[in-house]
Amino acid sequence: MIYLSRKITFSSAYRYFQEKFSENKNKEIFGSFYSDHGLGHNFALEITISGKVSPETGMVINLVEIDKVLKEVTEPLDHHHLNMDVPFFKEKVPTPENIALYCYEEIKSRLPKKVDLIKVRLYEGENLWADYYG
C-alpha cells in the first residue's frame, strides 16, 4: 500500500469562546485565546491518503484531484472568521482539534471511494498541530 501526503495553507481568524460559560470562566479556560475581536493565524493542512497505484497512470490519485478537494475544503476557512462565517464553528470552539476534525470530515466526503483518507494534520503556526485519524 502506498501513502501519499499533500499540504495546503490558509489563514483564518477565530475566537475561543463558549457561550454557556461566563466571561470570567471563558477568560480562565481560554486565556489569551479568548478575546473580543478574535485572533488571526496561519494554518497548514496536511493530508495523508492511501490506495493502490494505477498501472496506467502510476498514481494513487491525480494531484489535480487532491488539490481541488483541498481548495474546496479550505476556501470557506481562508481569510474568514471561523466563528462567524463557518456554520460548523457556530457551536464548536475552533481549536486545532476541531478544525482538524472539520477538515477530515469535509475531505473524506469529497474523495473518490478508491482512496482512503488516513490522516489529517493541521498546523497552527510552526509549533502546534493536531492529528486526526477518523
N, C-alpha and C. Protein backbone atom coordinates (compact mmCIF):
# COMPACT_ATOMS: atom_id res chain seq x y z
N MET A 1 0.84 -1.18 0.00
CA MET A 1 0.00 0.00 0.00
C MET A 1 0.89 1.24 0.00
N ILE A 2 0.53 2.20 -0.79
CA ILE A 2 1.26 3.47 -0.89
C ILE A 2 0.55 4.53 -0.07
N TYR A 3 1.33 5.35 0.62
CA TYR A 3 0.81 6.50 1.35
C TYR A 3 1.32 7.76 0.66
N LEU A 4 0.42 8.68 0.44
CA LEU A 4 0.74 9.92 -0.26
C LEU A 4 0.24 11.08 0.60
N SER A 5 1.06 12.11 0.77
CA SER A 5 0.66 13.27 1.56
C SER A 5 0.73 14.53 0.72
N ARG A 6 -0.14 15.47 1.07
CA ARG A 6 -0.21 16.76 0.36
C ARG A 6 -0.56 17.83 1.38
N LYS A 7 -0.06 19.05 1.16
CA LYS A 7 -0.25 20.14 2.11
C LYS A 7 -0.76 21.38 1.41
N ILE A 8 -1.62 22.14 2.11
CA ILE A 8 -2.12 23.42 1.63
C ILE A 8 -2.13 24.38 2.82
N THR A 9 -2.01 25.66 2.56
CA THR A 9 -2.02 26.65 3.64
C THR A 9 -3.23 27.57 3.51
N PHE A 10 -3.63 28.12 4.65
CA PHE A 10 -4.71 29.10 4.68
C PHE A 10 -4.58 29.94 5.95
N SER A 11 -5.27 31.04 5.99
CA SER A 11 -5.26 31.93 7.15
C SER A 11 -6.69 32.17 7.60
N SER A 12 -6.89 32.15 8.91
CA SER A 12 -8.23 32.35 9.47
C SER A 12 -8.14 33.14 10.76
N ALA A 13 -9.25 33.78 11.07
CA ALA A 13 -9.43 34.40 12.38
C ALA A 13 -10.40 33.54 13.17
N TYR A 14 -10.29 33.61 14.48
CA TYR A 14 -11.20 32.84 15.33
C TYR A 14 -11.19 33.43 16.73
N ARG A 15 -12.12 32.99 17.51
CA ARG A 15 -12.22 33.38 18.91
C ARG A 15 -12.57 32.14 19.72
N TYR A 16 -11.77 31.84 20.74
CA TYR A 16 -12.12 30.77 21.65
C TYR A 16 -13.16 31.33 22.61
N PHE A 17 -14.32 30.73 22.57
CA PHE A 17 -15.44 31.24 23.35
C PHE A 17 -16.47 30.15 23.47
N GLN A 18 -16.98 29.96 24.66
CA GLN A 18 -18.05 29.01 24.89
C GLN A 18 -19.23 29.80 25.46
N GLU A 19 -20.30 29.87 24.70
CA GLU A 19 -21.45 30.71 25.06
C GLU A 19 -22.02 30.37 26.44
N LYS A 20 -21.98 29.09 26.80
CA LYS A 20 -22.57 28.69 28.09
C LYS A 20 -21.69 29.07 29.29
N PHE A 21 -20.45 29.53 29.03
CA PHE A 21 -19.57 29.96 30.11
C PHE A 21 -19.71 31.45 30.35
N SER A 22 -19.47 31.86 31.58
CA SER A 22 -19.42 33.29 31.89
C SER A 22 -18.16 33.89 31.26
N GLU A 23 -18.10 35.21 31.21
CA GLU A 23 -16.90 35.86 30.67
C GLU A 23 -15.67 35.48 31.49
N ASN A 24 -15.82 35.45 32.80
CA ASN A 24 -14.68 35.08 33.66
C ASN A 24 -14.22 33.64 33.41
N LYS A 25 -15.19 32.73 33.25
CA LYS A 25 -14.82 31.32 33.00
C LYS A 25 -14.16 31.18 31.63
N ASN A 26 -14.67 31.90 30.61
CA ASN A 26 -14.03 31.89 29.29
C ASN A 26 -12.59 32.37 29.40
N LYS A 27 -12.37 33.46 30.12
CA LYS A 27 -11.01 34.01 30.28
C LYS A 27 -10.12 33.03 31.03
N GLU A 28 -10.68 32.38 32.04
CA GLU A 28 -9.92 31.42 32.84
C GLU A 28 -9.50 30.21 31.99
N ILE A 29 -10.42 29.69 31.21
CA ILE A 29 -10.13 28.48 30.43
C ILE A 29 -9.28 28.78 29.19
N PHE A 30 -9.66 29.82 28.45
CA PHE A 30 -9.03 30.07 27.15
C PHE A 30 -7.91 31.10 27.18
N GLY A 31 -7.76 31.81 28.29
CA GLY A 31 -6.66 32.76 28.44
C GLY A 31 -6.61 33.75 27.30
N SER A 32 -5.43 33.90 26.70
CA SER A 32 -5.24 34.90 25.65
C SER A 32 -5.98 34.56 24.35
N PHE A 33 -6.46 33.32 24.23
CA PHE A 33 -7.22 32.95 23.04
C PHE A 33 -8.67 33.42 23.11
N TYR A 34 -9.08 33.87 24.30
CA TYR A 34 -10.39 34.47 24.45
C TYR A 34 -10.21 35.97 24.29
N SER A 35 -10.77 36.52 23.25
CA SER A 35 -10.68 37.97 23.06
C SER A 35 -11.99 38.43 22.42
N ASP A 36 -12.25 39.69 22.54
CA ASP A 36 -13.49 40.23 21.97
C ASP A 36 -13.49 40.23 20.46
N HIS A 37 -12.32 40.40 19.87
CA HIS A 37 -12.24 40.58 18.42
C HIS A 37 -11.81 39.33 17.67
N GLY A 38 -11.14 38.45 18.33
CA GLY A 38 -10.63 37.26 17.67
C GLY A 38 -9.16 37.40 17.34
N LEU A 39 -8.57 36.30 17.00
CA LEU A 39 -7.16 36.23 16.67
C LEU A 39 -7.01 35.70 15.26
N GLY A 40 -5.92 36.06 14.61
CA GLY A 40 -5.66 35.52 13.28
C GLY A 40 -4.45 34.61 13.31
N HIS A 41 -4.51 33.54 12.55
CA HIS A 41 -3.38 32.61 12.48
C HIS A 41 -3.23 32.07 11.07
N ASN A 42 -2.02 31.64 10.78
CA ASN A 42 -1.74 30.92 9.54
C ASN A 42 -1.77 29.43 9.87
N PHE A 43 -2.40 28.68 9.00
CA PHE A 43 -2.54 27.23 9.18
C PHE A 43 -1.94 26.51 7.97
N ALA A 44 -1.50 25.29 8.22
CA ALA A 44 -1.15 24.37 7.14
C ALA A 44 -1.94 23.09 7.38
N LEU A 45 -2.60 22.64 6.34
CA LEU A 45 -3.39 21.42 6.40
C LEU A 45 -2.69 20.37 5.55
N GLU A 46 -2.36 19.27 6.20
CA GLU A 46 -1.66 18.18 5.51
C GLU A 46 -2.54 16.94 5.59
N ILE A 47 -2.71 16.29 4.46
CA ILE A 47 -3.48 15.05 4.46
C ILE A 47 -2.59 13.90 4.01
N THR A 48 -2.90 12.72 4.50
CA THR A 48 -2.24 11.50 4.05
C THR A 48 -3.33 10.55 3.58
N ILE A 49 -3.17 10.09 2.36
CA ILE A 49 -4.12 9.15 1.78
C ILE A 49 -3.39 7.87 1.41
N SER A 50 -4.16 6.83 1.15
CA SER A 50 -3.56 5.58 0.68
C SER A 50 -4.47 4.97 -0.38
N GLY A 51 -3.89 4.12 -1.15
CA GLY A 51 -4.64 3.42 -2.19
C GLY A 51 -3.69 2.64 -3.06
N LYS A 52 -4.23 2.00 -4.03
CA LYS A 52 -3.41 1.22 -4.97
C LYS A 52 -2.94 2.12 -6.09
N VAL A 53 -1.73 1.88 -6.52
CA VAL A 53 -1.17 2.64 -7.64
C VAL A 53 -1.76 2.10 -8.93
N SER A 54 -2.31 2.99 -9.72
CA SER A 54 -2.86 2.60 -11.02
C SER A 54 -1.72 2.21 -11.95
N PRO A 55 -1.81 1.03 -12.58
CA PRO A 55 -0.75 0.63 -13.52
C PRO A 55 -0.71 1.54 -14.75
N GLU A 56 -1.83 2.18 -15.07
CA GLU A 56 -1.87 3.05 -16.25
C GLU A 56 -1.29 4.43 -15.98
N THR A 57 -1.56 5.00 -14.79
CA THR A 57 -1.12 6.38 -14.51
C THR A 57 0.10 6.44 -13.59
N GLY A 58 0.34 5.37 -12.84
CA GLY A 58 1.42 5.38 -11.87
C GLY A 58 1.09 6.18 -10.62
N MET A 59 -0.19 6.53 -10.45
CA MET A 59 -0.60 7.35 -9.32
C MET A 59 -1.72 6.66 -8.53
N VAL A 60 -1.79 7.01 -7.25
CA VAL A 60 -2.93 6.60 -6.42
C VAL A 60 -4.12 7.46 -6.81
N ILE A 61 -3.86 8.76 -6.97
CA ILE A 61 -4.87 9.73 -7.39
C ILE A 61 -4.13 10.88 -8.06
N ASN A 62 -4.74 11.47 -9.00
CA ASN A 62 -4.15 12.61 -9.68
C ASN A 62 -4.05 13.78 -8.70
N LEU A 63 -2.90 14.43 -8.65
CA LEU A 63 -2.71 15.55 -7.73
C LEU A 63 -3.66 16.70 -8.01
N VAL A 64 -4.11 16.83 -9.24
CA VAL A 64 -5.10 17.87 -9.58
C VAL A 64 -6.39 17.62 -8.78
N GLU A 65 -6.78 16.34 -8.65
CA GLU A 65 -7.97 16.00 -7.88
C GLU A 65 -7.79 16.33 -6.40
N ILE A 66 -6.63 15.97 -5.84
CA ILE A 66 -6.36 16.26 -4.43
C ILE A 66 -6.37 17.77 -4.19
N ASP A 67 -5.70 18.50 -5.07
CA ASP A 67 -5.65 19.96 -4.92
C ASP A 67 -7.04 20.59 -4.99
N LYS A 68 -7.87 20.06 -5.85
CA LYS A 68 -9.25 20.57 -5.97
C LYS A 68 -10.01 20.35 -4.67
N VAL A 69 -9.89 19.16 -4.09
CA VAL A 69 -10.56 18.85 -2.83
C VAL A 69 -10.04 19.75 -1.71
N LEU A 70 -8.72 19.88 -1.61
CA LEU A 70 -8.15 20.70 -0.54
C LEU A 70 -8.58 22.16 -0.68
N LYS A 71 -8.64 22.66 -1.89
CA LYS A 71 -9.08 24.04 -2.12
C LYS A 71 -10.55 24.20 -1.74
N GLU A 72 -11.39 23.25 -2.12
CA GLU A 72 -12.82 23.31 -1.78
C GLU A 72 -13.02 23.34 -0.26
N VAL A 73 -12.22 22.57 0.46
CA VAL A 73 -12.37 22.47 1.91
C VAL A 73 -11.82 23.71 2.62
N THR A 74 -10.70 24.24 2.14
CA THR A 74 -10.08 25.37 2.84
C THR A 74 -10.60 26.72 2.39
N GLU A 75 -11.21 26.80 1.22
CA GLU A 75 -11.70 28.10 0.74
C GLU A 75 -12.68 28.77 1.71
N PRO A 76 -13.64 28.05 2.30
CA PRO A 76 -14.54 28.70 3.26
C PRO A 76 -13.83 29.13 4.56
N LEU A 77 -12.63 28.61 4.81
CA LEU A 77 -11.87 28.95 6.01
C LEU A 77 -10.89 30.09 5.76
N ASP A 78 -10.38 30.16 4.54
CA ASP A 78 -9.29 31.08 4.22
C ASP A 78 -9.76 32.53 4.24
N HIS A 79 -9.09 33.33 5.07
CA HIS A 79 -9.40 34.75 5.24
C HIS A 79 -10.84 34.98 5.69
N HIS A 80 -11.31 34.08 6.55
CA HIS A 80 -12.63 34.20 7.15
C HIS A 80 -12.50 34.09 8.67
N HIS A 81 -13.52 34.57 9.36
CA HIS A 81 -13.60 34.41 10.81
C HIS A 81 -14.41 33.14 11.05
N LEU A 82 -13.75 32.13 11.60
CA LEU A 82 -14.37 30.81 11.70
C LEU A 82 -15.67 30.83 12.50
N ASN A 83 -15.69 31.53 13.63
CA ASN A 83 -16.89 31.55 14.47
C ASN A 83 -18.08 32.16 13.74
N MET A 84 -17.81 33.15 12.91
CA MET A 84 -18.89 33.89 12.27
C MET A 84 -19.26 33.37 10.89
N ASP A 85 -18.29 32.82 10.17
CA ASP A 85 -18.50 32.50 8.76
C ASP A 85 -18.67 31.02 8.44
N VAL A 86 -18.32 30.15 9.36
CA VAL A 86 -18.37 28.71 9.09
C VAL A 86 -19.37 28.07 10.06
N PRO A 87 -20.51 27.59 9.55
CA PRO A 87 -21.56 27.04 10.42
C PRO A 87 -21.07 26.00 11.44
N PHE A 88 -20.11 25.17 11.05
CA PHE A 88 -19.59 24.13 11.94
C PHE A 88 -19.08 24.73 13.25
N PHE A 89 -18.55 25.96 13.19
CA PHE A 89 -17.94 26.57 14.37
C PHE A 89 -18.87 27.54 15.10
N LYS A 90 -20.13 27.55 14.73
CA LYS A 90 -21.10 28.36 15.47
C LYS A 90 -21.25 27.84 16.90
N GLU A 91 -21.14 26.52 17.06
CA GLU A 91 -21.33 25.91 18.37
C GLU A 91 -20.10 25.16 18.86
N LYS A 92 -19.06 25.10 18.05
CA LYS A 92 -17.82 24.42 18.46
C LYS A 92 -16.69 25.45 18.53
N VAL A 93 -15.88 25.33 19.54
CA VAL A 93 -14.72 26.21 19.69
C VAL A 93 -13.71 25.84 18.60
N PRO A 94 -13.23 26.81 17.81
CA PRO A 94 -12.34 26.49 16.69
C PRO A 94 -10.89 26.23 17.12
N THR A 95 -10.72 25.21 17.93
CA THR A 95 -9.39 24.75 18.34
C THR A 95 -8.76 23.98 17.18
N PRO A 96 -7.45 23.78 17.21
CA PRO A 96 -6.84 22.94 16.17
C PRO A 96 -7.49 21.56 16.09
N GLU A 97 -7.89 21.02 17.23
CA GLU A 97 -8.53 19.70 17.24
C GLU A 97 -9.84 19.72 16.45
N ASN A 98 -10.66 20.74 16.69
CA ASN A 98 -11.94 20.83 16.00
C ASN A 98 -11.79 21.21 14.53
N ILE A 99 -10.80 22.02 14.21
CA ILE A 99 -10.56 22.37 12.80
C ILE A 99 -10.09 21.13 12.05
N ALA A 100 -9.22 20.33 12.67
CA ALA A 100 -8.76 19.07 12.05
C ALA A 100 -9.93 18.12 11.82
N LEU A 101 -10.81 18.00 12.79
CA LEU A 101 -12.00 17.16 12.66
C LEU A 101 -12.88 17.64 11.51
N TYR A 102 -13.13 18.94 11.46
CA TYR A 102 -13.93 19.53 10.37
C TYR A 102 -13.31 19.20 9.02
N CYS A 103 -12.01 19.43 8.89
CA CYS A 103 -11.33 19.19 7.61
C CYS A 103 -11.38 17.73 7.22
N TYR A 104 -11.17 16.84 8.18
CA TYR A 104 -11.22 15.41 7.90
C TYR A 104 -12.58 15.02 7.30
N GLU A 105 -13.63 15.45 7.97
CA GLU A 105 -14.98 15.09 7.51
C GLU A 105 -15.27 15.66 6.12
N GLU A 106 -14.87 16.89 5.89
CA GLU A 106 -15.10 17.53 4.60
C GLU A 106 -14.29 16.87 3.49
N ILE A 107 -13.04 16.54 3.76
CA ILE A 107 -12.18 15.90 2.76
C ILE A 107 -12.68 14.50 2.45
N LYS A 108 -12.96 13.73 3.50
CA LYS A 108 -13.41 12.34 3.31
C LYS A 108 -14.65 12.28 2.42
N SER A 109 -15.57 13.21 2.59
CA SER A 109 -16.80 13.19 1.81
C SER A 109 -16.56 13.53 0.33
N ARG A 110 -15.41 14.09 0.01
CA ARG A 110 -15.13 14.50 -1.37
C ARG A 110 -14.16 13.57 -2.11
N LEU A 111 -13.47 12.71 -1.40
CA LEU A 111 -12.50 11.83 -2.06
C LEU A 111 -13.21 10.67 -2.75
N PRO A 112 -12.64 10.20 -3.87
CA PRO A 112 -13.22 9.01 -4.52
C PRO A 112 -13.10 7.79 -3.61
N LYS A 113 -13.99 6.86 -3.77
CA LYS A 113 -14.04 5.66 -2.91
C LYS A 113 -12.76 4.83 -2.99
N LYS A 114 -12.04 4.92 -4.08
CA LYS A 114 -10.82 4.11 -4.24
C LYS A 114 -9.66 4.61 -3.39
N VAL A 115 -9.83 5.77 -2.75
CA VAL A 115 -8.77 6.37 -1.94
C VAL A 115 -9.21 6.41 -0.49
N ASP A 116 -8.32 6.00 0.41
CA ASP A 116 -8.60 6.06 1.84
C ASP A 116 -7.91 7.26 2.46
N LEU A 117 -8.65 8.03 3.24
CA LEU A 117 -8.06 9.14 3.98
C LEU A 117 -7.52 8.58 5.29
N ILE A 118 -6.21 8.59 5.44
CA ILE A 118 -5.56 8.02 6.61
C ILE A 118 -5.50 9.02 7.75
N LYS A 119 -5.10 10.26 7.41
CA LYS A 119 -4.85 11.22 8.48
C LYS A 119 -4.97 12.63 7.94
N VAL A 120 -5.44 13.51 8.83
CA VAL A 120 -5.38 14.95 8.61
C VAL A 120 -4.49 15.51 9.70
N ARG A 121 -3.54 16.33 9.32
CA ARG A 121 -2.71 17.05 10.29
C ARG A 121 -2.90 18.53 10.04
N LEU A 122 -3.28 19.25 11.09
CA LEU A 122 -3.48 20.68 10.99
C LEU A 122 -2.43 21.37 11.84
N TYR A 123 -1.60 22.19 11.20
CA TYR A 123 -0.61 23.00 11.90
C TYR A 123 -1.19 24.39 12.13
N GLU A 124 -1.09 24.87 13.36
CA GLU A 124 -1.40 26.26 13.66
C GLU A 124 -0.06 26.90 13.99
N GLY A 125 0.45 27.68 13.05
CA GLY A 125 1.80 28.20 13.21
C GLY A 125 2.81 27.08 13.06
N GLU A 126 3.98 27.27 13.67
CA GLU A 126 5.08 26.32 13.49
C GLU A 126 5.16 25.24 14.56
N ASN A 127 4.60 25.52 15.76
CA ASN A 127 4.88 24.59 16.85
C ASN A 127 3.63 24.02 17.53
N LEU A 128 2.50 24.04 16.83
CA LEU A 128 1.29 23.41 17.35
C LEU A 128 0.58 22.70 16.21
N TRP A 129 0.22 21.44 16.43
CA TRP A 129 -0.54 20.72 15.41
C TRP A 129 -1.43 19.68 16.08
N ALA A 130 -2.45 19.30 15.30
CA ALA A 130 -3.38 18.25 15.73
C ALA A 130 -3.49 17.23 14.61
N ASP A 131 -3.47 15.96 14.96
CA ASP A 131 -3.66 14.88 14.01
C ASP A 131 -5.02 14.26 14.25
N TYR A 132 -5.72 13.94 13.16
CA TYR A 132 -6.99 13.23 13.28
C TYR A 132 -7.00 12.08 12.29
N TYR A 133 -7.28 10.88 12.81
CA TYR A 133 -7.26 9.67 12.00
C TYR A 133 -8.65 9.13 11.70
N GLY A 134 -9.68 9.82 12.12
CA GLY A 134 -11.03 9.37 11.80
C GLY A 134 -11.55 8.35 12.66
